[in-house]
Amino acid sequence: MSSNRFAQQFRHRWVGRYFSQATHTAGLTLIECLVAIVVIAASMAATTPMMVTAVATRIQNQKAEQALQLAQAEVDKVRLAVERGDTGSIDKIAEISGGTVAAAGAPTADTHAWPTGNQNTALQVDIDDDGTPDYAVQVIKTRTTGGANPLAFELGVRVYDYASFDRNKTSLETRPAQLSFTSGEGQRATKPLAVLYTTIVQPDRENSLCDYRRYLGSTPPASMNCD
């Protein structure tokens, strides 16, 4: 009996000690949990600004690419109208009062209807058909030469991000935005995402050269027999 009792006491003592140690060493302590929380928070604080900058910069670049495509499409449309002799479409483009299109002021109003009516009004463009304008496009030109058949004029196209345009109509600029890393709107808040200036010339009609010389501000010589 005494030996059995001794064996039971020995077993209870060592088994109890083992489970007591296991209980103390199992799982995470409160301090370890707090350290883990601090490390995770620090990691998020360090990476969040970089993620925001990356996303904002990508959106800006995508908008700039779309804006350039819109501007080029407007130029191509006008060139095609000139080649076809579509004077009606050309006459609808807002004509500046004087000077060059590059010196013309930024738009201060917008409309969804074409033609816009004047050089200070931009056209709303909804590229994804969701009912909300995505861009504001200003299309302007100088006075045409050539009478009923426009042969030469200067064309300008500026494309603004509409959300920024709508908030800053009275403080818009004409120089194109510089694309760089940004965590917000960047320069597109007041500057156009795309700007194109070009000269439109119809070279294959009678008196084209004469009218082009007049467009450049020179008088054709008598030897050219200009009308």
Protein backbone atom coordinates (compact mmCIF):
# COMPACT_ATOMS: atom_id res chain seq x y z
CA MET A 1 0.00 0.00 0.00
CA SER A 2 2.75 2.39 0.93
CA SER A 3 4.49 1.82 -2.39
CA ASN A 4 1.27 2.42 -4.32
CA ARG A 5 0.59 5.58 -2.39
CA PHE A 6 4.12 6.81 -3.07
CA ALA A 7 3.71 6.11 -6.79
CA GLN A 8 0.43 8.03 -6.95
CA GLN A 9 1.91 11.02 -5.14
CA PHE A 10 4.92 11.01 -7.46
CA ARG A 11 2.71 10.83 -10.54
CA HIS A 12 0.39 13.64 -9.42
CA ARG A 13 3.30 15.87 -8.47
CA TRP A 14 5.15 15.59 -11.79
CA VAL A 15 2.07 15.57 -14.02
CA GLY A 16 0.74 18.64 -12.23
CA ARG A 17 4.05 20.41 -12.63
CA TYR A 18 4.13 19.59 -16.37
CA PHE A 19 0.64 20.93 -17.06
CA SER A 20 1.31 23.98 -14.92
CA GLN A 21 4.39 24.82 -17.04
CA ALA A 22 2.49 24.17 -20.27
CA THR A 23 -0.26 26.53 -19.17
CA HIS A 24 2.21 29.32 -18.49
CA THR A 25 4.03 28.94 -21.84
CA ALA A 26 1.05 28.36 -24.20
CA GLY A 27 -0.26 31.19 -26.51
CA LEU A 28 0.82 34.86 -26.66
CA THR A 29 1.24 37.20 -23.77
CA LEU A 30 -0.44 40.61 -23.67
CA ILE A 31 2.87 42.35 -24.28
CA GLU A 32 3.54 40.20 -27.36
CA CYS A 33 0.10 41.08 -28.73
CA LEU A 34 0.73 44.79 -28.20
CA VAL A 35 4.11 44.56 -29.94
CA ALA A 36 2.49 42.82 -32.91
CA ILE A 37 -0.18 45.52 -33.15
CA VAL A 38 2.46 48.26 -33.07
CA VAL A 39 4.50 46.57 -35.82
CA ILE A 40 1.44 46.14 -38.06
CA ALA A 41 0.35 49.75 -37.51
CA ALA A 42 3.84 51.03 -38.31
CA SER A 43 3.96 48.96 -41.51
CA MET A 44 0.58 50.30 -42.65
CA ALA A 45 1.59 53.87 -41.84
CA ALA A 46 4.75 53.47 -43.92
CA THR A 47 3.12 51.85 -46.97
CA THR A 48 -0.19 53.77 -47.17
CA PRO A 49 1.27 57.06 -48.54
CA MET A 50 3.16 55.15 -51.23
CA MET A 51 0.01 53.28 -52.24
CA VAL A 52 -2.00 56.51 -52.39
CA THR A 53 0.68 58.17 -54.54
CA ALA A 54 0.88 55.18 -56.88
CA VAL A 55 -2.89 55.06 -57.40
CA ALA A 56 -3.27 58.84 -57.85
CA THR A 57 -0.37 58.98 -60.33
CA ARG A 58 -1.79 56.10 -62.35
CA ILE A 59 -5.20 57.78 -62.55
CA GLN A 60 -3.57 61.04 -63.64
CA ASN A 61 -1.60 59.29 -66.39
CA GLN A 62 -4.69 57.47 -67.65
CA LYS A 63 -6.63 60.72 -67.80
CA ALA A 64 -3.78 62.44 -69.62
CA GLU A 65 -3.68 59.66 -72.22
CA GLN A 66 -7.44 59.89 -72.80
CA ALA A 67 -7.23 63.69 -72.99
CA LEU A 68 -4.51 63.54 -75.65
CA GLN A 69 -6.61 61.11 -77.69
CA LEU A 70 -9.57 63.50 -77.47
CA ALA A 71 -7.46 66.46 -78.57
CA GLN A 72 -5.98 64.56 -81.51
CA ALA A 73 -9.44 63.36 -82.55
CA GLU A 74 -10.67 66.97 -82.67
CA VAL A 75 -7.72 68.00 -84.85
CA ASP A 76 -8.28 65.06 -87.20
CA LYS A 77 -11.98 65.87 -87.44
CA VAL A 78 -11.26 69.45 -88.48
CA ARG A 79 -8.62 68.37 -91.02
CA LEU A 80 -11.13 65.99 -92.58
CA ALA A 81 -13.76 68.74 -92.74
CA VAL A 82 -11.31 71.02 -94.56
CA GLU A 83 -10.37 68.29 -97.03
CA ARG A 84 -14.03 67.67 -97.78
CA GLY A 85 -14.84 71.35 -98.05
CA ASP A 86 -17.31 71.09 -95.16
CA THR A 87 -17.47 74.80 -94.42
CA GLY A 88 -20.51 74.37 -92.19
CA SER A 89 -18.57 72.32 -89.64
CA ILE A 90 -15.60 74.66 -89.77
CA ASP A 91 -17.74 77.74 -89.23
CA LYS A 92 -19.12 76.21 -86.01
CA ILE A 93 -15.70 76.28 -84.35
CA ALA A 94 -15.37 79.22 -81.98
CA GLU A 95 -13.29 81.97 -83.56
CA ILE A 96 -10.98 84.04 -81.39
CA SER A 97 -11.18 87.82 -81.63
CA GLY A 98 -7.52 88.26 -82.49
CA GLY A 99 -3.98 87.04 -81.96
CA THR A 100 -2.93 83.40 -81.83
CA VAL A 101 -4.83 80.48 -80.37
CA ALA A 102 -1.98 79.88 -77.92
CA ALA A 103 -2.56 83.35 -76.47
CA ALA A 104 -6.32 82.89 -76.16
CA GLY A 105 -7.72 82.71 -72.65
CA ALA A 106 -8.89 79.60 -70.83
CA PRO A 107 -12.59 78.73 -70.85
CA THR A 108 -14.82 80.03 -68.07
CA ALA A 109 -18.02 78.14 -68.88
CA ASP A 110 -19.14 74.83 -70.36
CA THR A 111 -22.01 73.32 -72.30
CA HIS A 112 -23.14 69.90 -73.53
CA ALA A 113 -24.32 71.33 -76.86
CA TRP A 114 -22.21 71.82 -79.98
CA PRO A 115 -21.33 74.41 -81.16
CA THR A 116 -20.28 76.04 -77.92
CA GLY A 117 -20.96 79.55 -79.22
CA ASN A 118 -17.80 81.39 -78.18
CA GLN A 119 -14.14 80.87 -77.35
CA ASN A 120 -14.71 80.99 -73.58
CA THR A 121 -17.07 78.00 -73.49
CA ALA A 122 -15.82 74.41 -73.39
CA LEU A 123 -17.69 71.33 -74.57
CA GLN A 124 -18.60 68.64 -72.03
CA VAL A 125 -17.44 65.16 -73.08
CA ASP A 126 -18.71 61.94 -71.49
CA ILE A 127 -16.47 59.13 -72.72
CA ASP A 128 -17.97 56.26 -70.72
CA ASP A 129 -21.66 57.13 -71.28
CA ASP A 130 -22.52 57.21 -67.58
CA GLY A 131 -24.30 60.55 -67.83
CA THR A 132 -21.50 62.48 -66.10
CA PRO A 133 -18.98 64.61 -68.06
CA ASP A 134 -15.40 63.38 -67.88
CA TYR A 135 -13.63 66.17 -69.77
CA ALA A 136 -14.13 69.77 -70.87
CA VAL A 137 -12.77 70.43 -74.36
CA GLN A 138 -12.04 73.92 -75.67
CA VAL A 139 -11.79 74.10 -79.48
CA ILE A 140 -10.83 77.47 -80.99
CA LYS A 141 -9.48 78.81 -84.27
CA THR A 142 -8.26 81.99 -85.88
CA ARG A 143 -10.10 83.74 -88.68
CA THR A 144 -9.96 81.66 -91.84
CA THR A 145 -8.58 82.79 -95.17
CA GLY A 146 -9.96 81.81 -98.53
CA GLY A 147 -13.45 83.24 -98.40
CA ALA A 148 -16.18 80.66 -98.83
CA ASN A 149 -13.60 77.87 -99.00
CA PRO A 150 -11.41 78.09 -95.87
CA LEU A 151 -7.86 77.29 -96.84
CA ALA A 152 -5.75 78.22 -93.83
CA PHE A 153 -6.30 78.89 -90.16
CA GLU A 154 -4.77 78.11 -86.80
CA LEU A 155 -6.52 75.56 -84.58
CA GLY A 156 -6.19 75.07 -80.84
CA VAL A 157 -7.55 72.29 -78.61
CA ARG A 158 -7.31 72.17 -74.82
CA VAL A 159 -8.69 69.29 -72.76
CA TYR A 160 -9.39 69.73 -69.03
CA ASP A 161 -10.38 67.18 -66.42
CA TYR A 162 -14.04 68.02 -65.92
CA ALA A 163 -14.18 67.55 -62.14
CA SER A 164 -11.31 70.00 -61.70
CA PHE A 165 -12.67 72.30 -64.41
CA ASP A 166 -16.06 72.52 -62.72
CA ARG A 167 -14.51 73.58 -59.40
CA ASN A 168 -12.01 76.09 -60.78
CA LYS A 169 -13.67 77.79 -63.76
CA THR A 170 -12.44 81.22 -62.75
CA SER A 171 -8.80 80.25 -62.21
CA LEU A 172 -7.96 77.91 -65.09
CA GLU A 173 -4.65 78.11 -66.91
CA THR A 174 -3.70 77.41 -70.52
CA ARG A 175 -0.27 75.79 -70.14
CA PRO A 176 -0.45 71.98 -70.07
CA ALA A 177 -0.11 70.15 -66.76
CA GLN A 178 3.23 68.54 -65.97
CA LEU A 179 2.76 64.85 -65.26
CA SER A 180 4.67 63.84 -62.15
CA PHE A 181 4.13 61.81 -59.00
CA THR A 182 1.13 63.09 -57.07
CA SER A 183 -1.08 62.06 -54.18
CA GLY A 184 -4.07 64.08 -55.39
CA GLU A 185 -5.15 66.04 -58.46
CA GLY A 186 -1.73 67.49 -59.13
CA GLN A 187 -1.50 70.25 -61.72
CA ARG A 188 -4.64 69.09 -63.50
CA ALA A 189 -6.62 71.00 -60.86
CA THR A 190 -6.17 74.16 -62.95
CA LYS A 191 -4.22 73.16 -66.07
CA PRO A 192 -5.32 71.23 -69.17
CA LEU A 193 -4.24 67.61 -69.44
CA ALA A 194 -3.64 67.97 -73.17
CA VAL A 195 -2.97 70.95 -75.44
CA LEU A 196 -2.56 70.88 -79.23
CA TYR A 197 -1.94 73.87 -81.51
CA THR A 198 -1.64 73.37 -85.25
CA THR A 199 -2.12 75.09 -88.59
CA ILE A 200 -4.79 73.70 -90.89
CA VAL A 201 -4.08 74.24 -94.59
CA GLN A 202 -5.92 73.11 -97.71
CA PRO A 203 -3.13 72.92 -100.32
CA ASP A 204 -4.84 71.39 -103.33
CA ARG A 205 -7.18 74.16 -104.45
CA GLU A 206 -6.79 77.14 -106.71
CA ASN A 207 -5.19 80.11 -104.94
CA SER A 208 -4.14 77.91 -101.99
CA LEU A 209 -0.59 79.27 -102.02
CA CYS A 210 -1.84 82.83 -102.34
CA ASP A 211 -4.20 82.45 -99.40
CA TYR A 212 -1.54 80.77 -97.31
CA ARG A 213 0.83 83.69 -97.90
CA ARG A 214 -1.93 86.07 -96.83
CA TYR A 215 -2.49 83.91 -93.75
CA LEU A 216 1.19 84.30 -92.88
CA GLY A 217 0.82 88.06 -93.18
CA SER A 218 2.62 88.65 -96.47
CA THR A 219 1.29 90.02 -99.75
CA PRO A 220 1.56 87.64 -102.71
CA PRO A 221 3.64 89.07 -105.57
CA ALA A 222 1.93 90.04 -108.80
CA SER A 223 3.72 87.22 -110.59
CA MET A 224 1.57 84.70 -108.69
CA ASN A 225 -1.58 86.06 -110.35
CA CYS A 226 -3.58 85.78 -107.13
CA ASP A 227 -7.26 86.67 -107.19
